[in-house]
PDB file of all heavy atoms in Angstrom:
ATOM      1  N   ILE A   1     113.605 108.394-161.010  1.00  0.00           N
ATOM      2  CA  ILE A   1     113.848 108.859-162.388  1.00  0.00           C
ATOM      3  C   ILE A   1     112.736 109.810-162.820  1.00  0.00           C
ATOM      4  O   ILE A   1     112.988 110.847-163.453  1.00  0.00           O
ATOM      5  CB  ILE A   1     113.954 107.661-163.354  1.00  0.00           C
ATOM      6  CG1 ILE A   1     115.233 106.873-163.069  1.00  0.00           C
ATOM      7  CG2 ILE A   1     113.956 108.132-164.806  1.00  0.00           C
ATOM      8  CD1 ILE A   1     115.314 105.551-163.812  1.00  0.00           C
ATOM      9  N   SER A   2     111.499 109.485-162.468  1.00  0.00           N
ATOM     10  CA  SER A   2     110.373 110.356-162.823  1.00  0.00           C
ATOM     11  C   SER A   2     110.487 111.708-162.129  1.00  0.00           C
ATOM     12  O   SER A   2     110.195 112.759-162.722  1.00  0.00           O
ATOM     13  CB  SER A   2     109.051 109.685-162.445  1.00  0.00           C
ATOM     14  OG  SER A   2     108.877 108.484-163.158  1.00  0.00           O
ATOM     15  N   GLY A   3     110.912 111.696-160.877  1.00  0.00           N
ATOM     16  CA  GLY A   3     111.114 112.957-160.171  1.00  0.00           C
ATOM     17  C   GLY A   3     112.206 113.793-160.818  1.00  0.00           C
ATOM     18  O   GLY A   3     112.082 115.029-160.919  1.00  0.00           O
ATOM     19  N   PHE A   4     113.270 113.149-161.269  1.00  0.00           N
ATOM     20  CA  PHE A   4     114.350 113.854-161.963  1.00  0.00           C
ATOM     21  C   PHE A   4     113.831 114.482-163.260  1.00  0.00           C
ATOM     22  O   PHE A   4     114.165 115.630-163.583  1.00  0.00           O
ATOM     23  CB  PHE A   4     115.487 112.883-162.257  1.00  0.00           C
ATOM     24  CG  PHE A   4     116.633 113.493-163.006  1.00  0.00           C
ATOM     25  CD1 PHE A   4     117.539 114.311-162.363  1.00  0.00           C
ATOM     26  CD2 PHE A   4     116.786 113.262-164.366  1.00  0.00           C
ATOM     27  CE1 PHE A   4     118.601 114.886-163.059  1.00  0.00           C
ATOM     28  CE2 PHE A   4     117.834 113.822-165.074  1.00  0.00           C
ATOM     29  CZ  PHE A   4     118.751 114.647-164.422  1.00  0.00           C
ATOM     30  N   ILE A   5     113.010 113.748-164.006  1.00  0.00           N
ATOM     31  CA  ILE A   5     112.420 114.298-165.238  1.00  0.00           C
ATOM     32  C   ILE A   5     111.541 115.493-164.905  1.00  0.00           C
ATOM     33  O   ILE A   5     111.567 116.525-165.602  1.00  0.00           O
ATOM     34  CB  ILE A   5     111.622 113.207-165.970  1.00  0.00           C
ATOM     35  CG1 ILE A   5     112.570 112.156-166.550  1.00  0.00           C
ATOM     36  CG2 ILE A   5     110.755 113.814-167.085  1.00  0.00           C
ATOM     37  CD1 ILE A   5     111.864 110.964-167.160  1.00  0.00           C
ATOM     38  N   GLY A   6     110.758 115.373-163.853  1.00  0.00           N
ATOM     39  CA  GLY A   6     109.908 116.498-163.455  1.00  0.00           C
ATOM     40  C   GLY A   6     110.710 117.734-163.116  1.00  0.00           C
ATOM     41  O   GLY A   6     110.330 118.857-163.489  1.00  0.00           O
ATOM     42  N   ARG A   7     111.831 117.550-162.432  1.00  0.00           N
ATOM     43  CA  ARG A   7     112.664 118.688-162.038  1.00  0.00           C
ATOM     44  C   ARG A   7     113.368 119.313-163.233  1.00  0.00           C
ATOM     45  O   ARG A   7     113.418 120.544-163.358  1.00  0.00           O
ATOM     46  CB  ARG A   7     113.706 118.234-161.013  1.00  0.00           C
ATOM     47  CG  ARG A   7     113.136 117.865-159.663  1.00  0.00           C
ATOM     48  CD  ARG A   7     112.815 119.069-158.817  1.00  0.00           C
ATOM     49  NE  ARG A   7     114.036 119.683-158.269  1.00  0.00           N
ATOM     50  CZ  ARG A   7     114.052 120.862-157.655  1.00  0.00           C
ATOM     51  NH1 ARG A   7     112.949 121.572-157.553  1.00  0.00           N
ATOM     52  NH2 ARG A   7     115.180 121.345-157.176  1.00  0.00           N
ATOM     53  N   THR A   8     113.921 118.482-164.113  1.00  0.00           N
ATOM     54  CA  THR A   8     114.762 118.997-165.202  1.00  0.00           C
ATOM     55  C   THR A   8     113.949 119.429-166.415  1.00  0.00           C
ATOM     56  O   THR A   8     114.225 120.466-167.017  1.00  0.00           O
ATOM     57  CB  THR A   8     115.791 117.937-165.626  1.00  0.00           C
ATOM     58  OG1 THR A   8     115.115 116.734-165.989  1.00  0.00           O
ATOM     59  CG2 THR A   8     116.751 117.647-164.489  1.00  0.00           C
ATOM     60  N   VAL A   9     112.951 118.634-166.791  1.00  0.00           N
ATOM     61  CA  VAL A   9     112.156 118.945-167.995  1.00  0.00           C
ATOM     62  C   VAL A   9     111.022 119.917-167.672  1.00  0.00           C
ATOM     63  O   VAL A   9     110.788 120.879-168.400  1.00  0.00           O
ATOM     64  CB  VAL A   9     111.588 117.650-168.624  1.00  0.00           C
ATOM     65  CG1 VAL A   9     110.694 117.974-169.816  1.00  0.00           C
ATOM     66  CG2 VAL A   9     112.726 116.720-169.035  1.00  0.00           C
ATOM     67  N   GLY A  10     110.325 119.661-166.570  1.00  0.00           N
ATOM     68  CA  GLY A  10     109.175 120.496-166.236  1.00  0.00           C
ATOM     69  C   GLY A  10     109.488 121.651-165.317  1.00  0.00           C
ATOM     70  O   GLY A  10     108.623 122.503-165.085  1.00  0.00           O
ATOM     71  N   GLY A  11     110.700 121.688-164.754  1.00  0.00           N
ATOM     72  CA  GLY A  11     111.035 122.759-163.825  1.00  0.00           C
ATOM     73  C   GLY A  11     110.179 122.750-162.575  1.00  0.00           C
ATOM     74  O   GLY A  11     109.859 123.804-162.020  1.00  0.00           O
ATOM     75  N   LEU A  12     109.815 121.580-162.095  1.00  0.00           N
ATOM     76  CA  LEU A  12     108.911 121.462-160.961  1.00  0.00           C
ATOM     77  C   LEU A  12     109.644 121.717-159.646  1.00  0.00           C
ATOM     78  O   LEU A  12     110.853 121.492-159.533  1.00  0.00           O
ATOM     79  CB  LEU A  12     108.285 120.069-160.914  1.00  0.00           C
ATOM     80  CG  LEU A  12     107.534 119.601-162.161  1.00  0.00           C
ATOM     81  CD1 LEU A  12     106.957 118.207-161.929  1.00  0.00           C
ATOM     82  CD2 LEU A  12     106.416 120.572-162.528  1.00  0.00           C
ATOM     83  N   SER A  13     108.897 122.165-158.665  1.00  0.00           N
ATOM     84  CA  SER A  13     109.441 122.264-157.314  1.00  0.00           C
ATOM     85  C   SER A  13     109.586 120.853-156.746  1.00  0.00           C
ATOM     86  O   SER A  13     109.074 119.879-157.307  1.00  0.00           O
ATOM     87  CB  SER A  13     108.490 123.077-156.431  1.00  0.00           C
ATOM     88  OG  SER A  13     107.255 122.375-156.264  1.00  0.00           O
ATOM     89  N   LEU A  14     110.282 120.739-155.611  1.00  0.00           N
ATOM     90  CA  LEU A  14     110.447 119.428-154.986  1.00  0.00           C
ATOM     91  C   LEU A  14     109.100 118.821-154.622  1.00  0.00           C
ATOM     92  O   LEU A  14     108.897 117.606-154.742  1.00  0.00           O
ATOM     93  CB  LEU A  14     111.325 119.554-153.743  1.00  0.00           C
ATOM     94  CG  LEU A  14     112.829 119.723-153.974  1.00  0.00           C
ATOM     95  CD1 LEU A  14     113.549 119.982-152.652  1.00  0.00           C
ATOM     96  CD2 LEU A  14     113.401 118.479-154.656  1.00  0.00           C
ATOM     97  N   ARG A  15     108.197 119.663-154.183  1.00  0.00           N
ATOM     98  CA  ARG A  15     106.861 119.186-153.800  1.00  0.00           C
ATOM     99  C   ARG A  15     106.115 118.646-155.023  1.00  0.00           C
ATOM    100  O   ARG A  15     105.516 117.562-154.976  1.00  0.00           O
ATOM    101  CB  ARG A  15     106.086 120.332-153.146  1.00  0.00           C
ATOM    102  CG  ARG A  15     104.802 119.913-152.441  1.00  0.00           C
ATOM    103  CD  ARG A  15     104.254 121.098-151.664  1.00  0.00           C
ATOM    104  NE  ARG A  15     103.000 120.766-151.008  1.00  0.00           N
ATOM    105  CZ  ARG A  15     102.920 120.140-149.843  1.00  0.00           C
ATOM    106  NH1 ARG A  15     104.011 119.757-149.219  1.00  0.00           N
ATOM    107  NH2 ARG A  15     101.736 119.878-149.294  1.00  0.00           N
ATOM    108  N   GLU A  16     106.146 119.381-156.121  1.00  0.00           N
ATOM    109  CA  GLU A  16     105.492 118.922-157.352  1.00  0.00           C
ATOM    110  C   GLU A  16     106.209 117.703-157.928  1.00  0.00           C
ATOM    111  O   GLU A  16     105.565 116.769-158.431  1.00  0.00           O
ATOM    112  CB  GLU A  16     105.477 120.058-158.374  1.00  0.00           C
ATOM    113  CG  GLU A  16     104.604 121.229-157.986  1.00  0.00           C
ATOM    114  CD  GLU A  16     104.819 122.429-158.898  1.00  0.00           C
ATOM    115  OE1 GLU A  16     105.962 122.618-159.375  1.00  0.00           O
ATOM    116  OE2 GLU A  16     103.848 123.176-159.125  1.00  0.00           O
ATOM    117  N   ALA A  17     107.531 117.694-157.842  1.00  0.00           N
ATOM    118  CA  ALA A  17     108.297 116.571-158.372  1.00  0.00           C
ATOM    119  C   ALA A  17     108.003 115.285-157.616  1.00  0.00           C
ATOM    120  O   ALA A  17     108.096 114.187-158.189  1.00  0.00           O
ATOM    121  CB  ALA A  17     109.789 116.877-158.320  1.00  0.00           C
ATOM    122  N   THR A  18     107.639 115.389-156.344  1.00  0.00           N
ATOM    123  CA  THR A  18     107.252 114.192-155.586  1.00  0.00           C
ATOM    124  C   THR A  18     106.008 113.564-156.186  1.00  0.00           C
ATOM    125  O   THR A  18     105.909 112.332-156.318  1.00  0.00           O
ATOM    126  CB  THR A  18     107.002 114.557-154.108  1.00  0.00           C
ATOM    127  OG1 THR A  18     108.190 115.117-153.548  1.00  0.00           O
ATOM    128  CG2 THR A  18     106.601 113.335-153.308  1.00  0.00           C
ATOM    129  N   MET A  19     105.042 114.395-156.586  1.00  0.00           N
ATOM    130  CA  MET A  19     103.840 113.867-157.231  1.00  0.00           C
ATOM    131  C   MET A  19     104.168 113.285-158.605  1.00  0.00           C
ATOM    132  O   MET A  19     103.616 112.256-159.009  1.00  0.00           O
ATOM    133  CB  MET A  19     102.790 114.972-157.381  1.00  0.00           C
ATOM    134  CG  MET A  19     102.143 115.407-156.076  1.00  0.00           C
ATOM    135  SD  MET A  19     101.200 114.095-155.282  1.00  0.00           S
ATOM    136  CE  MET A  19     102.324 113.671-153.938  1.00  0.00           C
ATOM    137  N   ALA A  20     105.084 113.932-159.338  1.00  0.00           N
ATOM    138  CA  ALA A  20     105.516 113.391-160.628  1.00  0.00           C
ATOM    139  C   ALA A  20     106.204 112.047-160.444  1.00  0.00           C
ATOM    140  O   ALA A  20     106.022 111.118-161.235  1.00  0.00           O
ATOM    141  CB  ALA A  20     106.447 114.384-161.323  1.00  0.00           C
ATOM    142  N   SER A  21     107.003 111.936-159.371  1.00  0.00           N
ATOM    143  CA  SER A  21     107.648 110.662-159.057  1.00  0.00           C
ATOM    144  C   SER A  21     106.609 109.576-158.815  1.00  0.00           C
ATOM    145  O   SER A  21     106.764 108.425-159.260  1.00  0.00           O
ATOM    146  CB  SER A  21     108.524 110.813-157.804  1.00  0.00           C
ATOM    147  OG  SER A  21     109.561 111.736-158.013  1.00  0.00           O
ATOM    148  N   LEU A  22     105.553 109.940-158.108  1.00  0.00           N
ATOM    149  CA  LEU A  22     104.489 108.979-157.814  1.00  0.00           C
ATOM    150  C   LEU A  22     103.821 108.499-159.097  1.00  0.00           C
ATOM    151  O   LEU A  22     103.525 107.305-159.253  1.00  0.00           O
ATOM    152  CB  LEU A  22     103.465 109.623-156.883  1.00  0.00           C
ATOM    153  CG  LEU A  22     102.474 108.686-156.193  1.00  0.00           C
ATOM    154  CD1 LEU A  22     103.184 107.730-155.251  1.00  0.00           C
ATOM    155  CD2 LEU A  22     101.421 109.496-155.429  1.00  0.00           C
ATOM    156  N   ALA A  23     103.610 109.425-160.044  1.00  0.00           N
ATOM    157  CA  ALA A  23     102.983 109.047-161.320  1.00  0.00           C
ATOM    158  C   ALA A  23     103.850 108.077-162.104  1.00  0.00           C
ATOM    159  O   ALA A  23     103.332 107.207-162.814  1.00  0.00           O
ATOM    160  CB  ALA A  23     102.709 110.303-162.153  1.00  0.00           C
ATOM    161  N   GLY A  24     105.177 108.195-161.976  1.00  0.00           N
ATOM    162  CA  GLY A  24     106.067 107.321-162.718  1.00  0.00           C
ATOM    163  C   GLY A  24     106.389 106.018-162.016  1.00  0.00           C
ATOM    164  O   GLY A  24     106.882 105.079-162.647  1.00  0.00           O
ATOM    165  N   GLY A  25     106.106 105.931-160.715  1.00  0.00           N
ATOM    166  CA  GLY A  25     106.458 104.729-159.972  1.00  0.00           C
ATOM    167  C   GLY A  25     105.288 103.918-159.462  1.00  0.00           C
ATOM    168  O   GLY A  25     105.431 102.729-159.171  1.00  0.00           O
ATOM    169  N   TYR A  26     104.132 104.560-159.344  1.00  0.00           N
ATOM    170  CA  TYR A  26     102.967 103.911-158.720  1.00  0.00           C
ATOM    171  C   TYR A  26     102.007 103.432-159.801  1.00  0.00           C
ATOM    172  O   TYR A  26     101.228 104.200-160.343  1.00  0.00           O
ATOM    173  CB  TYR A  26     102.290 104.907-157.781  1.00  0.00           C
ATOM    174  CG  TYR A  26     101.151 104.363-156.948  1.00  0.00           C
ATOM    175  CD1 TYR A  26     100.937 102.997-156.796  1.00  0.00           C
ATOM    176  CD2 TYR A  26     100.292 105.242-156.286  1.00  0.00           C
ATOM    177  CE1 TYR A  26      99.903 102.529-156.013  1.00  0.00           C
ATOM    178  CE2 TYR A  26      99.259 104.782-155.503  1.00  0.00           C
ATOM    179  CZ  TYR A  26      99.064 103.423-155.367  1.00  0.00           C
ATOM    180  OH  TYR A  26      98.024 102.950-154.595  1.00  0.00           O
ATOM    181  N   GLY A  27     102.076 102.144-160.131  1.00  0.00           N
ATOM    182  CA  GLY A  27     101.174 101.578-161.122  1.00  0.00           C
ATOM    183  C   GLY A  27      99.835 101.211-160.514  1.00  0.00           C
ATOM    184  O   GLY A  27      99.649 101.241-159.294  1.00  0.00           O
ATOM    185  N   ASN A  28      98.914 100.827-161.372  1.00  0.00           N
ATOM    186  CA  ASN A  28      97.559 100.501-160.921  1.00  0.00           C
ATOM    187  C   ASN A  28      97.520  99.086-160.346  1.00  0.00           C
ATOM    188  O   ASN A  28      96.760  98.225-160.805  1.00  0.00           O
ATOM    189  CB  ASN A  28      96.583 100.633-162.097  1.00  0.00           C
ATOM    190  CG  ASN A  28      95.240 101.155-161.646  1.00  0.00           C
ATOM    191  OD1 ASN A  28      94.754 100.778-160.597  1.00  0.00           O
ATOM    192  ND2 ASN A  28      94.654 102.029-162.444  1.00  0.00           N
ATOM    193  N   ILE A  29      98.350  98.861-159.309  1.00  0.00           N
ATOM    194  CA  ILE A  29      98.525  97.526-158.750  1.00  0.00           C
ATOM    195  C   ILE A  29      97.350  97.081-157.894  1.00  0.00           C
ATOM    196  O   ILE A  29      97.241  95.895-157.576  1.00  0.00           O
ATOM    197  CB  ILE A  29      99.827  97.450-157.934  1.00  0.00           C
ATOM    198  CG1 ILE A  29      99.880  98.567-156.892  1.00  0.00           C
ATOM    199  CG2 ILE A  29     101.042  97.528-158.849  1.00  0.00           C
ATOM    200  CD1 ILE A  29     101.107  98.528-155.991  1.00  0.00           C
ATOM    201  N   GLY A  30      96.486  98.013-157.510  1.00  0.00           N
ATOM    202  CA  GLY A  30      95.322  97.637-156.712  1.00  0.00           C
ATOM    203  C   GLY A  30      94.115  97.302-157.565  1.00  0.00           C
ATOM    204  O   GLY A  30      93.489  96.253-157.395  1.00  0.00           O
ATOM    205  N   TYR A  31      93.770  98.177-158.507  1.00  0.00           N
ATOM    206  CA  TYR A  31      92.564  97.997-159.311  1.00  0.00           C
ATOM    207  C   TYR A  31      92.774  97.000-160.446  1.00  0.00           C
ATOM    208  O   TYR A  31      92.004  96.065-160.623  1.00  0.00           O
ATOM    209  CB  TYR A  31      92.127  99.348-159.893  1.00  0.00           C
ATOM    210  CG  TYR A  31      91.404 100.253-158.920  1.00  0.00           C
ATOM    211  CD1 TYR A  31      91.357  99.960-157.554  1.00  0.00           C
ATOM    212  CD2 TYR A  31      90.780 101.413-159.357  1.00  0.00           C
ATOM    213  CE1 TYR A  31      90.705 100.786-156.666  1.00  0.00           C
ATOM    214  CE2 TYR A  31      90.109 102.253-158.472  1.00  0.00           C
ATOM    215  CZ  TYR A  31      90.075 101.932-157.134  1.00  0.00           C
ATOM    216  OH  TYR A  31      89.425 102.754-156.262  1.00  0.00           O
ATOM    217  N   MET A  32      93.817  97.199-161.247  1.00  0.00           N
ATOM    218  CA  MET A  32      94.031  96.360-162.427  1.00  0.00           C
ATOM    219  C   MET A  32      94.907  95.143-162.159  1.00  0.00           C
ATOM    220  O   MET A  32      94.706  94.085-162.760  1.00  0.00           O
ATOM    221  CB  MET A  32      94.668  97.181-163.558  1.00  0.00           C
ATOM    222  CG  MET A  32      93.789  98.235-164.172  1.00  0.00           C
ATOM    223  SD  MET A  32      94.620  99.094-165.531  1.00  0.00           S
ATOM    224  CE  MET A  32      94.634  97.801-166.781  1.00  0.00           C
ATOM    225  N   GLY A  33      95.888  95.306-161.280  1.00  0.00           N
ATOM    226  CA  GLY A  33      96.923  94.299-161.127  1.00  0.00           C
ATOM    227  C   GLY A  33      96.453  92.893-160.809  1.00  0.00           C
ATOM    228  O   GLY A  33      96.751  91.947-161.552  1.00  0.00           O
ATOM    229  N   PRO A  34      95.713  92.699-159.689  1.00  0.00           N
ATOM    230  CA  PRO A  34      95.365  91.321-159.307  1.00  0.00           C
ATOM    231  C   PRO A  34      94.553  90.582-160.368  1.00  0.00           C
ATOM    232  O   PRO A  34      94.896  89.456-160.754  1.00  0.00           O
ATOM    233  CB  PRO A  34      94.553  91.518-158.017  1.00  0.00           C
ATOM    234  CG  PRO A  34      95.025  92.823-157.479  1.00  0.00           C
ATOM    235  CD  PRO A  34      95.314  93.680-158.671  1.00  0.00           C
ATOM    236  N   GLY A  35      93.491  91.205-160.869  1.00  0.00           N
ATOM    237  CA  GLY A  35      92.650  90.525-161.849  1.00  0.00           C
ATOM    238  C   GLY A  35      93.382  90.207-163.128  1.00  0.00           C
ATOM    239  O   GLY A  35      93.247  89.104-163.686  1.00  0.00           O
ATOM    240  N   LEU A  36      94.193  91.150-163.600  1.00  0.00           N
ATOM    241  CA  LEU A  36      94.906  90.958-164.860  1.00  0.00           C
ATOM    242  C   LEU A  36      95.984  89.886-164.724  1.00  0.00           C
ATOM    243  O   LEU A  36      96.131  89.012-165.598  1.00  0.00           O
ATOM    244  CB  LEU A  36      95.529  92.274-165.314  1.00  0.00           C
ATOM    245  CG  LEU A  36      96.001  92.355-166.766  1.00  0.00           C
ATOM    246  CD1 LEU A  36      94.849  92.131-167.720  1.00  0.00           C
ATOM    247  CD2 LEU A  36      96.653  93.706-167.030  1.00  0.00           C
ATOM    248  N   ALA A  37      96.740  89.919-163.637  1.00  0.00           N
ATOM    249  CA  ALA A  37      97.801  88.928-163.446  1.00  0.00           C
ATOM    250  C   ALA A  37      97.232  87.523-163.313  1.00  0.00           C
ATOM    251  O   ALA A  37      97.767  86.564-163.886  1.00  0.00           O
ATOM    252  CB  ALA A  37      98.627  89.280-162.207  1.00  0.00           C
ATOM    253  N   LEU A  38      96.134  87.380-162.579  1.00  0.00           N
ATOM    254  CA  LEU A  38      95.521  86.060-162.423  1.00  0.00           C
ATOM    255  C   LEU A  38      94.958  85.558-163.748  1.00  0.00           C
ATOM    256  O   LEU A  38      95.001  84.363-164.039  1.00  0.00           O
ATOM    257  CB  LEU A  38      94.428  86.110-161.357  1.00  0.00           C
ATOM    258  CG  LEU A  38      94.911  86.349-159.922  1.00  0.00           C
ATOM    259  CD1 LEU A  38      93.736  86.560-158.985  1.00  0.00           C
ATOM    260  CD2 LEU A  38      95.757  85.184-159.432  1.00  0.00           C
ATOM    261  N   ALA A  39      94.435  86.479-164.572  1.00  0.00           N
ATOM    262  CA  ALA A  39      93.894  86.068-165.868  1.00  0.00           C
ATOM    263  C   ALA A  39      94.996  85.627-166.825  1.00  0.00           C
ATOM    264  O   ALA A  39      94.830  84.677-167.587  1.00  0.00           O
ATOM    265  CB  ALA A  39      93.095  87.224-166.482  1.00  0.00           C
ATOM    266  N   VAL A  40      96.139  86.324-166.790  1.00  0.00           N
ATOM    267  CA  VAL A  40      97.227  86.024-167.722  1.00  0.00           C
ATOM    268  C   VAL A  40      98.040  84.814-167.277  1.00  0.00           C
ATOM    269  O   VAL A  40      98.410  83.963-168.085  1.00  0.00           O
ATOM    270  CB  VAL A  40      98.152  87.255-167.885  1.00  0.00           C
ATOM    271  CG1 VAL A  40      99.365  86.924-168.741  1.00  0.00           C
ATOM    272  CG2 VAL A  40      97.382  88.410-168.501  1.00  0.00           C
ATOM    273  N   LEU A  41      98.325  84.724-165.962  1.00  0.00           N
ATOM    274  CA  LEU A  41      99.285  83.736-165.476  1.00  0.00           C
ATOM    275  C   LEU A  41      98.681  82.684-164.556  1.00  0.00           C
ATOM    276  O   LEU A  41      99.393  81.755-164.152  1.00  0.00           O
ATOM    277  CB  LEU A  41     100.421  84.455-164.741  1.00  0.00           C
ATOM    278  CG  LEU A  41     101.300  85.324-165.657  1.00  0.00           C
ATOM    279  CD1 LEU A  41     102.032  86.378-164.848  1.00  0.00           C
ATOM    280  CD2 LEU A  41     102.292  84.458-166.413  1.00  0.00           C
ATOM    281  N   GLY A  42      97.413  82.828-164.202  1.00  0.00           N
ATOM    282  CA  GLY A  42      96.785  81.823-163.356  1.00  0.00           C
ATOM    283  C   GLY A  42      97.051  82.066-161.881  1.00  0.00           C
ATOM    284  O   GLY A  42      97.626  83.074-161.469  1.00  0.00           O
ATOM    285  N   THR A  43      96.662  81.090-161.074  1.00  0.00           N
ATOM    286  CA  THR A  43      96.708  81.249-159.621  1.00  0.00           C
ATOM    287  C   THR A  43      98.131  81.359-159.075  1.00  0.00           C
ATOM    288  O   THR A  43      98.333  81.861-157.973  1.00  0.00           O
ATOM    289  CB  THR A  43      95.999  80.072-158.938  1.00  0.00           C
ATOM    290  OG1 THR A  43      96.600  78.843-159.384  1.00  0.00           O
ATOM    291  CG2 THR A  43      94.519  80.048-159.284  1.00  0.00           C
ATOM    292  N   LYS A  44      99.132  80.892-159.841  1.00  0.00           N
ATOM    293  CA  LYS A  44     100.509  80.989-159.361  1.00  0.00           C
ATOM    294  C   LYS A  44     100.999  82.428-159.297  1.00  0.00           C
ATOM    295  O   LYS A  44     102.047  82.700-158.699  1.00  0.00           O
ATOM    296  CB  LYS A  44     101.435  80.163-160.253  1.00  0.00           C
ATOM    297  CG  LYS A  44     101.234  78.656-160.113  1.00  0.00           C
ATOM    298  CD  LYS A  44     102.244  77.883-160.928  1.00  0.00           C
ATOM    299  CE  LYS A  44     102.060  76.374-160.747  1.00  0.00           C
ATOM    300  NZ  LYS A  44     103.028  75.590-161.543  1.00  0.00           N
ATOM    301  N   ALA A  45     100.260  83.354-159.913  1.00  0.00           N
ATOM    302  CA  ALA A  45     100.630  84.768-159.842  1.00  0.00           C
ATOM    303  C   ALA A  45     100.115  85.436-158.577  1.00  0.00           C
ATOM    304  O   ALA A  45     100.485  86.579-158.292  1.00  0.00           O
ATOM    305  CB  ALA A  45     100.086  85.510-161.061  1.00  0.00           C
TER     306      ALA A  45
END
């Protein structure tokens, strides 16, 4: 969906739209994710 927005709204090339797709799909699951999930939900997360 992010790549589609990049193509239609921003007029990006396929190469640029791939990076836009990454920005919309790749969350901070390495740096923020583990610590935050364990703090909110405990060890079961």
